Amino acid sequence: MRRENEKKHQENIEYILKVNEEHLNKSDAIFLQAPGMNKMILVGENRPLTSFRKKIINIPFNVQKANYTSMMDIYARLININLDITGSDVLNLLNN
């Protein structure tokens, strides 16, 4: 029963990636959080994301859960830009 569910899950993932293949082709980067064997399921030989290997970037922080809320938090963190500058750096930027 477990193997059947895993197979159905893999088929669902492949279907979703196939439907969104045009978007994946147009993208500059694909952020992925899939540790260990989970990553090989997606990016191993003859797997759904194999042809996009060069675009894949590991998410640079820990991800707690695989759900919509976590995905939106990850998205917000990835698009956010944090600058760590001192007062003298700001003056140098303003004077240039």
N, C-alpha and C. Protein backbone atom coordinates (compact mmCIF):
# COMPACT_ATOMS: atom_id res chain seq x y z
N MET A 1 0.82 -1.19 0.00
CA MET A 1 0.00 0.00 0.00
C MET A 1 0.87 1.26 0.00
N ARG A 2 1.94 1.25 0.81
CA ARG A 2 2.81 2.41 0.88
C ARG A 2 3.50 2.65 -0.47
N ARG A 3 3.99 1.58 -1.08
CA ARG A 3 4.65 1.72 -2.38
C ARG A 3 3.70 2.25 -3.44
N GLU A 4 2.46 1.81 -3.39
CA GLU A 4 1.46 2.32 -4.34
C GLU A 4 1.23 3.80 -4.15
N ASN A 5 1.13 4.24 -2.90
CA ASN A 5 0.94 5.67 -2.62
C ASN A 5 2.16 6.48 -3.05
N GLU A 6 3.35 5.95 -2.81
CA GLU A 6 4.57 6.64 -3.25
C GLU A 6 4.60 6.76 -4.77
N LYS A 7 4.19 5.70 -5.46
CA LYS A 7 4.16 5.73 -6.92
C LYS A 7 3.14 6.76 -7.41
N LYS A 8 1.96 6.81 -6.81
CA LYS A 8 0.95 7.80 -7.18
C LYS A 8 1.46 9.22 -6.93
N HIS A 9 2.14 9.39 -5.81
CA HIS A 9 2.69 10.71 -5.48
C HIS A 9 3.73 11.13 -6.52
N GLN A 10 4.61 10.21 -6.89
CA GLN A 10 5.62 10.49 -7.92
C GLN A 10 4.96 10.83 -9.25
N GLU A 11 3.91 10.11 -9.61
CA GLU A 11 3.19 10.39 -10.86
C GLU A 11 2.54 11.77 -10.81
N ASN A 12 1.98 12.15 -9.66
CA ASN A 12 1.39 13.49 -9.51
C ASN A 12 2.45 14.58 -9.68
N ILE A 13 3.61 14.37 -9.08
CA ILE A 13 4.70 15.34 -9.20
C ILE A 13 5.13 15.47 -10.66
N GLU A 14 5.30 14.35 -11.33
CA GLU A 14 5.70 14.37 -12.74
C GLU A 14 4.66 15.09 -13.59
N TYR A 15 3.39 14.86 -13.30
CA TYR A 15 2.32 15.52 -14.04
C TYR A 15 2.37 17.03 -13.83
N ILE A 16 2.49 17.46 -12.58
CA ILE A 16 2.54 18.90 -12.27
C ILE A 16 3.73 19.55 -12.96
N LEU A 17 4.88 18.90 -12.93
CA LEU A 17 6.07 19.46 -13.57
C LEU A 17 5.91 19.49 -15.09
N LYS A 18 5.27 18.49 -15.66
CA LYS A 18 5.05 18.45 -17.11
C LYS A 18 4.10 19.57 -17.53
N VAL A 19 3.04 19.79 -16.76
CA VAL A 19 2.07 20.85 -17.06
C VAL A 19 2.75 22.22 -16.99
N ASN A 20 3.72 22.37 -16.08
CA ASN A 20 4.39 23.65 -15.89
C ASN A 20 5.75 23.73 -16.58
N GLU A 21 6.00 22.83 -17.51
CA GLU A 21 7.30 22.78 -18.18
C GLU A 21 7.63 24.10 -18.90
N GLU A 22 6.64 24.73 -19.49
CA GLU A 22 6.88 26.02 -20.17
C GLU A 22 7.40 27.07 -19.19
N HIS A 23 6.82 27.11 -18.01
CA HIS A 23 7.27 28.06 -16.98
C HIS A 23 8.68 27.72 -16.51
N LEU A 24 8.96 26.44 -16.35
CA LEU A 24 10.30 26.03 -15.94
C LEU A 24 11.34 26.39 -17.00
N ASN A 25 10.98 26.25 -18.26
CA ASN A 25 11.90 26.62 -19.35
C ASN A 25 12.20 28.11 -19.35
N LYS A 26 11.20 28.93 -19.05
CA LYS A 26 11.38 30.37 -19.05
C LYS A 26 12.11 30.89 -17.81
N SER A 27 12.12 30.12 -16.74
CA SER A 27 12.69 30.58 -15.48
C SER A 27 14.21 30.65 -15.54
N ASP A 28 14.77 31.58 -14.76
CA ASP A 28 16.22 31.69 -14.64
C ASP A 28 16.77 30.79 -13.54
N ALA A 29 15.94 30.52 -12.53
CA ALA A 29 16.36 29.70 -11.40
C ALA A 29 15.17 28.91 -10.87
N ILE A 30 15.48 27.74 -10.35
CA ILE A 30 14.48 26.90 -9.70
C ILE A 30 15.00 26.62 -8.29
N PHE A 31 14.31 27.13 -7.29
CA PHE A 31 14.72 26.92 -5.91
C PHE A 31 14.12 25.61 -5.42
N LEU A 32 14.95 24.78 -4.81
CA LEU A 32 14.53 23.44 -4.42
C LEU A 32 15.02 23.12 -3.02
N GLN A 33 14.15 22.53 -2.22
CA GLN A 33 14.52 22.00 -0.91
C GLN A 33 14.07 20.55 -0.89
N ALA A 34 14.99 19.65 -1.14
CA ALA A 34 14.68 18.22 -1.14
C ALA A 34 15.94 17.48 -0.70
N PRO A 35 16.08 17.25 0.60
CA PRO A 35 17.31 16.61 1.09
C PRO A 35 17.40 15.13 0.73
N GLY A 36 18.63 14.67 0.60
CA GLY A 36 18.92 13.25 0.43
C GLY A 36 18.29 12.61 -0.80
N MET A 37 17.66 11.49 -0.56
CA MET A 37 17.06 10.71 -1.65
C MET A 37 15.90 11.45 -2.31
N ASN A 38 15.24 12.33 -1.59
CA ASN A 38 14.14 13.09 -2.17
C ASN A 38 14.61 13.92 -3.36
N LYS A 39 15.81 14.46 -3.25
CA LYS A 39 16.35 15.24 -4.35
C LYS A 39 16.62 14.35 -5.56
N MET A 40 17.12 13.15 -5.32
CA MET A 40 17.41 12.24 -6.42
C MET A 40 16.12 11.81 -7.14
N ILE A 41 15.00 11.79 -6.43
CA ILE A 41 13.72 11.47 -7.05
C ILE A 41 13.35 12.53 -8.08
N LEU A 42 13.76 13.77 -7.82
CA LEU A 42 13.42 14.88 -8.72
C LEU A 42 14.49 15.15 -9.76
N VAL A 43 15.77 14.99 -9.38
CA VAL A 43 16.85 15.42 -10.26
C VAL A 43 17.76 14.29 -10.72
N GLY A 44 17.47 13.06 -10.33
CA GLY A 44 18.29 11.93 -10.76
C GLY A 44 18.14 11.68 -12.26
N GLU A 45 18.83 10.68 -12.74
CA GLU A 45 18.75 10.36 -14.17
C GLU A 45 17.32 10.01 -14.58
N ASN A 46 16.91 10.55 -15.71
CA ASN A 46 15.56 10.32 -16.27
C ASN A 46 14.45 10.72 -15.30
N ARG A 47 14.69 11.75 -14.53
CA ARG A 47 13.69 12.26 -13.59
C ARG A 47 13.15 13.59 -14.09
N PRO A 48 12.05 14.08 -13.50
CA PRO A 48 11.37 15.26 -14.04
C PRO A 48 12.24 16.52 -14.18
N LEU A 49 13.15 16.77 -13.24
CA LEU A 49 13.92 18.01 -13.29
C LEU A 49 15.35 17.83 -13.81
N THR A 50 15.65 16.67 -14.37
CA THR A 50 17.01 16.40 -14.84
C THR A 50 17.48 17.44 -15.84
N SER A 51 16.63 17.82 -16.77
CA SER A 51 17.04 18.76 -17.82
C SER A 51 17.19 20.19 -17.28
N PHE A 52 16.76 20.44 -16.05
CA PHE A 52 16.86 21.78 -15.46
C PHE A 52 17.94 21.86 -14.38
N ARG A 53 18.83 20.87 -14.33
CA ARG A 53 19.85 20.82 -13.27
C ARG A 53 20.63 22.11 -13.11
N LYS A 54 20.99 22.75 -14.22
CA LYS A 54 21.81 23.96 -14.15
C LYS A 54 21.06 25.13 -13.52
N LYS A 55 19.75 25.07 -13.52
CA LYS A 55 18.93 26.15 -12.96
C LYS A 55 18.61 25.95 -11.48
N ILE A 56 18.85 24.77 -10.96
CA ILE A 56 18.43 24.44 -9.60
C ILE A 56 19.38 25.05 -8.58
N ILE A 57 18.79 25.75 -7.62
CA ILE A 57 19.52 26.35 -6.51
C ILE A 57 18.88 25.83 -5.22
N ASN A 58 19.72 25.33 -4.32
CA ASN A 58 19.19 24.88 -3.04
C ASN A 58 18.76 26.09 -2.22
N ILE A 59 17.63 25.97 -1.56
CA ILE A 59 17.16 27.04 -0.68
C ILE A 59 18.17 27.17 0.45
N PRO A 60 18.71 28.38 0.68
CA PRO A 60 19.84 28.55 1.60
C PRO A 60 19.46 28.62 3.08
N PHE A 61 18.35 28.05 3.47
CA PHE A 61 17.96 28.02 4.88
C PHE A 61 17.04 26.83 5.10
N ASN A 62 16.84 26.47 6.37
CA ASN A 62 16.01 25.31 6.69
C ASN A 62 14.55 25.58 6.41
N VAL A 63 13.87 24.54 5.95
CA VAL A 63 12.44 24.59 5.68
C VAL A 63 11.77 23.61 6.62
N GLN A 64 10.79 24.08 7.39
CA GLN A 64 10.17 23.23 8.40
C GLN A 64 9.15 22.27 7.81
N LYS A 65 8.20 22.78 7.06
CA LYS A 65 7.12 21.95 6.54
C LYS A 65 6.94 22.17 5.05
N ALA A 66 6.42 21.17 4.38
CA ALA A 66 6.13 21.28 2.96
C ALA A 66 4.64 21.59 2.80
N ASN A 67 4.29 22.87 2.99
CA ASN A 67 2.90 23.28 2.81
C ASN A 67 2.86 24.68 2.21
N TYR A 68 1.68 25.15 1.90
CA TYR A 68 1.53 26.43 1.21
C TYR A 68 2.05 27.61 2.04
N THR A 69 1.76 27.61 3.33
CA THR A 69 2.20 28.70 4.20
C THR A 69 3.73 28.78 4.24
N SER A 70 4.38 27.63 4.38
CA SER A 70 5.84 27.61 4.38
C SER A 70 6.39 28.07 3.04
N MET A 71 5.73 27.65 1.96
CA MET A 71 6.19 28.07 0.64
C MET A 71 6.12 29.59 0.48
N MET A 72 5.05 30.20 0.98
CA MET A 72 4.92 31.65 0.88
C MET A 72 5.96 32.36 1.76
N ASP A 73 6.28 31.79 2.92
CA ASP A 73 7.34 32.34 3.77
C ASP A 73 8.70 32.25 3.07
N ILE A 74 8.95 31.12 2.44
CA ILE A 74 10.20 30.93 1.70
C ILE A 74 10.29 31.95 0.56
N TYR A 75 9.21 32.11 -0.17
CA TYR A 75 9.17 33.07 -1.27
C TYR A 75 9.49 34.48 -0.76
N ALA A 76 8.87 34.88 0.34
CA ALA A 76 9.11 36.21 0.90
C ALA A 76 10.57 36.38 1.30
N ARG A 77 11.15 35.35 1.89
CA ARG A 77 12.56 35.44 2.29
C ARG A 77 13.49 35.49 1.08
N LEU A 78 13.16 34.76 0.03
CA LEU A 78 14.03 34.74 -1.14
C LEU A 78 14.00 36.05 -1.92
N ILE A 79 12.85 36.72 -1.97
CA ILE A 79 12.78 37.96 -2.74
C ILE A 79 13.17 39.18 -1.93
N ASN A 80 13.33 39.02 -0.64
CA ASN A 80 13.70 40.12 0.23
C ASN A 80 15.19 40.40 0.12
N ILE A 81 15.55 41.65 0.09
CA ILE A 81 16.96 42.03 0.04
C ILE A 81 17.29 42.73 1.34
N ASN A 82 18.32 42.24 2.02
CA ASN A 82 18.78 42.85 3.27
C ASN A 82 20.16 43.43 3.04
N LEU A 83 20.30 44.70 3.35
CA LEU A 83 21.60 45.35 3.25
C LEU A 83 22.11 45.62 4.65
N ASP A 84 23.35 45.29 4.88
CA ASP A 84 23.98 45.53 6.16
C ASP A 84 25.09 46.55 5.94
N ILE A 85 24.75 47.83 6.12
CA ILE A 85 25.72 48.89 5.88
C ILE A 85 25.81 49.80 7.10
N THR A 86 26.94 50.43 7.26
CA THR A 86 27.15 51.35 8.38
C THR A 86 26.87 52.78 7.93
N GLY A 87 26.83 53.68 8.87
CA GLY A 87 26.57 55.08 8.57
C GLY A 87 27.56 55.67 7.57
N SER A 88 28.85 55.33 7.70
CA SER A 88 29.85 55.87 6.77
C SER A 88 29.63 55.31 5.36
N ASP A 89 29.16 54.07 5.26
CA ASP A 89 28.86 53.50 3.95
C ASP A 89 27.72 54.25 3.28
N VAL A 90 26.72 54.62 4.06
CA VAL A 90 25.59 55.38 3.51
C VAL A 90 26.07 56.73 3.00
N LEU A 91 26.91 57.40 3.76
CA LEU A 91 27.44 58.70 3.32
C LEU A 91 28.25 58.54 2.03
N ASN A 92 29.03 57.51 1.93
CA ASN A 92 29.82 57.26 0.71
C ASN A 92 28.90 57.03 -0.49
N LEU A 93 27.80 56.29 -0.28
CA LEU A 93 26.85 56.04 -1.36
C LEU A 93 26.16 57.33 -1.79
N LEU A 94 25.80 58.16 -0.84
CA LEU A 94 25.10 59.41 -1.15
C LEU A 94 26.00 60.41 -1.85
N ASN A 95 27.28 60.39 -1.52
CA ASN A 95 28.22 61.35 -2.13
C ASN A 95 28.66 60.92 -3.52
N ASN A 96 28.43 59.68 -3.90
CA ASN A 96 28.86 59.21 -5.23
C ASN A 96 27.78 59.31 -6.21
